[in-house]
Amino acid sequence: MSASGNIPKVSYPATSSKIQTQTIRVLLTTDDYEIDGLVHTRPGSYQSRVSDILNVKEMHFVPLTHVTYRSLRNPNEPPRSVDTMIVRLDTIKMAVPLDREDKAPSEPAKPGGMIFTN
């Protein structure tokens, strides 16, 4: 604290570097939901495949973007969409990559929803 009792402001240098990622569209199933979204991987790293991300012991959640999900317990409810969803790994019963996992870095998967029929 400064002598006047005010908390001093701390400034951080601006950073413009971005982590290069590759997106892979996946379908995840839990006991309650079917989830279609994009998982972000780091090409060339130990987490470059969906299976690598799902098997990291230190991770407990997987973030997804461009998500469409539907309730398995209430199949008459319409699917819902959100920009971001965090899924707890130990709730995932099935994971299916819907895109090739060998695309060029930063080439986004085509976001899209799921088609549900009765």
Protein backbone atom coordinates (compact mmCIF):
# COMPACT_ATOMS: atom_id res chain seq x y z
CA MET A 1 0.00 0.00 0.00
CA SER A 2 1.10 3.50 -0.63
CA ALA A 3 1.48 6.04 2.17
CA SER A 4 -1.99 7.41 1.42
CA GLY A 5 -3.56 3.99 2.05
CA ASN A 6 -4.53 3.41 -1.59
CA ILE A 7 -3.66 0.17 -3.27
CA PRO A 8 -1.14 0.86 -6.04
CA LYS A 9 -2.11 -0.09 -9.56
CA VAL A 10 -0.11 -2.82 -11.20
CA SER A 11 0.28 -2.77 -14.94
CA TYR A 12 1.12 -5.83 -16.97
CA PRO A 13 2.82 -5.76 -20.34
CA ALA A 14 0.47 -6.31 -23.25
CA THR A 15 0.93 -9.63 -24.94
CA SER A 16 -0.03 -10.32 -28.49
CA SER A 17 1.05 -13.93 -28.73
CA LYS A 18 -1.65 -16.51 -29.22
CA ILE A 19 -1.48 -20.23 -28.75
CA GLN A 20 -1.97 -21.99 -32.06
CA THR A 21 -4.77 -24.52 -31.77
CA GLN A 22 -6.58 -26.99 -33.93
CA THR A 23 -10.29 -27.63 -33.45
CA ILE A 24 -11.88 -31.05 -33.68
CA ARG A 25 -15.62 -31.54 -33.63
CA VAL A 26 -16.63 -34.20 -31.10
CA LEU A 27 -19.76 -35.92 -29.89
CA LEU A 28 -19.72 -36.61 -26.15
CA THR A 29 -22.30 -38.67 -24.31
CA THR A 30 -22.94 -38.53 -20.56
CA ASP A 31 -25.71 -40.17 -18.56
CA ASP A 32 -27.86 -37.07 -19.07
CA TYR A 33 -26.75 -35.35 -22.28
CA GLU A 34 -25.51 -35.78 -25.82
CA ILE A 35 -23.06 -32.95 -26.54
CA ASP A 36 -21.76 -31.85 -29.96
CA GLY A 37 -18.99 -29.24 -29.90
CA LEU A 38 -15.44 -28.25 -30.74
CA VAL A 39 -12.50 -29.34 -28.60
CA HIS A 40 -9.29 -27.32 -29.01
CA THR A 41 -6.02 -29.21 -29.29
CA ARG A 42 -2.43 -28.08 -29.61
CA PRO A 43 -0.84 -29.52 -32.76
CA GLY A 44 2.51 -31.20 -32.22
CA SER A 45 2.08 -31.33 -28.44
CA TYR A 46 1.29 -34.23 -26.17
CA GLN A 47 -2.35 -33.05 -26.33
CA SER A 48 -2.79 -33.04 -30.09
CA ARG A 49 -5.54 -35.68 -30.26
CA VAL A 50 -8.92 -35.92 -28.54
CA SER A 51 -7.84 -39.12 -26.80
CA ASP A 52 -4.76 -37.33 -25.44
CA ILE A 53 -6.92 -34.65 -23.82
CA LEU A 54 -9.38 -37.14 -22.37
CA ASN A 55 -6.59 -39.24 -20.84
CA VAL A 56 -4.53 -36.52 -19.10
CA LYS A 57 -4.58 -37.47 -15.41
CA GLU A 58 -4.15 -33.87 -14.25
CA MET A 59 -7.23 -32.65 -16.16
CA HIS A 60 -10.69 -33.02 -14.69
CA PHE A 61 -12.65 -30.99 -17.24
CA VAL A 62 -12.63 -30.47 -21.00
CA PRO A 63 -13.70 -27.13 -22.46
CA LEU A 64 -15.82 -27.12 -25.63
CA THR A 65 -16.93 -24.27 -27.89
CA HIS A 66 -19.79 -23.92 -30.40
CA VAL A 67 -21.82 -26.46 -28.44
CA THR A 68 -25.22 -27.98 -29.14
CA TYR A 69 -26.56 -30.33 -26.51
CA ARG A 70 -29.73 -32.26 -25.82
CA SER A 71 -31.18 -34.05 -22.84
CA LEU A 72 -31.26 -37.83 -23.00
CA ARG A 73 -33.65 -38.01 -20.05
CA ASN A 74 -36.16 -35.63 -21.68
CA PRO A 75 -35.91 -36.40 -25.42
CA ASN A 76 -38.88 -34.16 -26.25
CA GLU A 77 -36.94 -31.06 -25.17
CA PRO A 78 -35.40 -29.23 -28.11
CA PRO A 79 -31.59 -29.12 -28.42
CA ARG A 80 -29.90 -26.07 -26.92
CA SER A 81 -26.82 -24.19 -28.07
CA VAL A 82 -24.16 -22.33 -26.08
CA ASP A 83 -20.86 -20.71 -27.00
CA THR A 84 -18.83 -22.52 -24.33
CA MET A 85 -19.32 -25.55 -22.11
CA ILE A 86 -17.01 -27.19 -19.57
CA VAL A 87 -17.60 -30.94 -19.25
CA ARG A 88 -16.36 -32.98 -16.30
CA LEU A 89 -14.25 -35.81 -17.72
CA ASP A 90 -15.48 -38.48 -15.32
CA THR A 91 -19.05 -37.97 -16.58
CA ILE A 92 -18.18 -38.79 -20.20
CA LYS A 93 -19.42 -42.24 -21.23
CA MET A 94 -18.51 -41.99 -24.93
CA ALA A 95 -16.43 -39.62 -27.06
CA VAL A 96 -16.48 -39.68 -30.85
CA PRO A 97 -14.29 -37.36 -32.95
CA LEU A 98 -16.48 -36.26 -35.87
CA ASP A 99 -13.69 -34.58 -37.85
CA ARG A 100 -10.35 -35.86 -39.02
CA GLU A 101 -7.69 -35.25 -36.39
CA ASP A 102 -4.89 -34.61 -38.89
CA LYS A 103 -6.05 -31.28 -40.32
CA ALA A 104 -3.69 -28.34 -40.62
CA PRO A 105 -3.33 -26.19 -37.46
CA SER A 106 -5.86 -23.39 -37.03
CA GLU A 107 -8.16 -24.83 -39.67
CA PRO A 108 -11.48 -24.65 -37.84
CA ALA A 109 -13.97 -27.43 -37.98
CA LYS A 110 -17.28 -26.45 -39.46
CA PRO A 111 -19.52 -25.62 -36.50
CA GLY A 112 -22.86 -27.25 -36.80
CA GLY A 113 -25.61 -28.65 -34.76
CA MET A 114 -26.87 -32.13 -34.43
CA ILE A 115 -29.90 -33.39 -36.29
CA PHE A 116 -32.41 -35.16 -34.11
CA THR A 117 -35.38 -37.12 -35.28
CA ASN A 118 -38.02 -39.01 -33.35
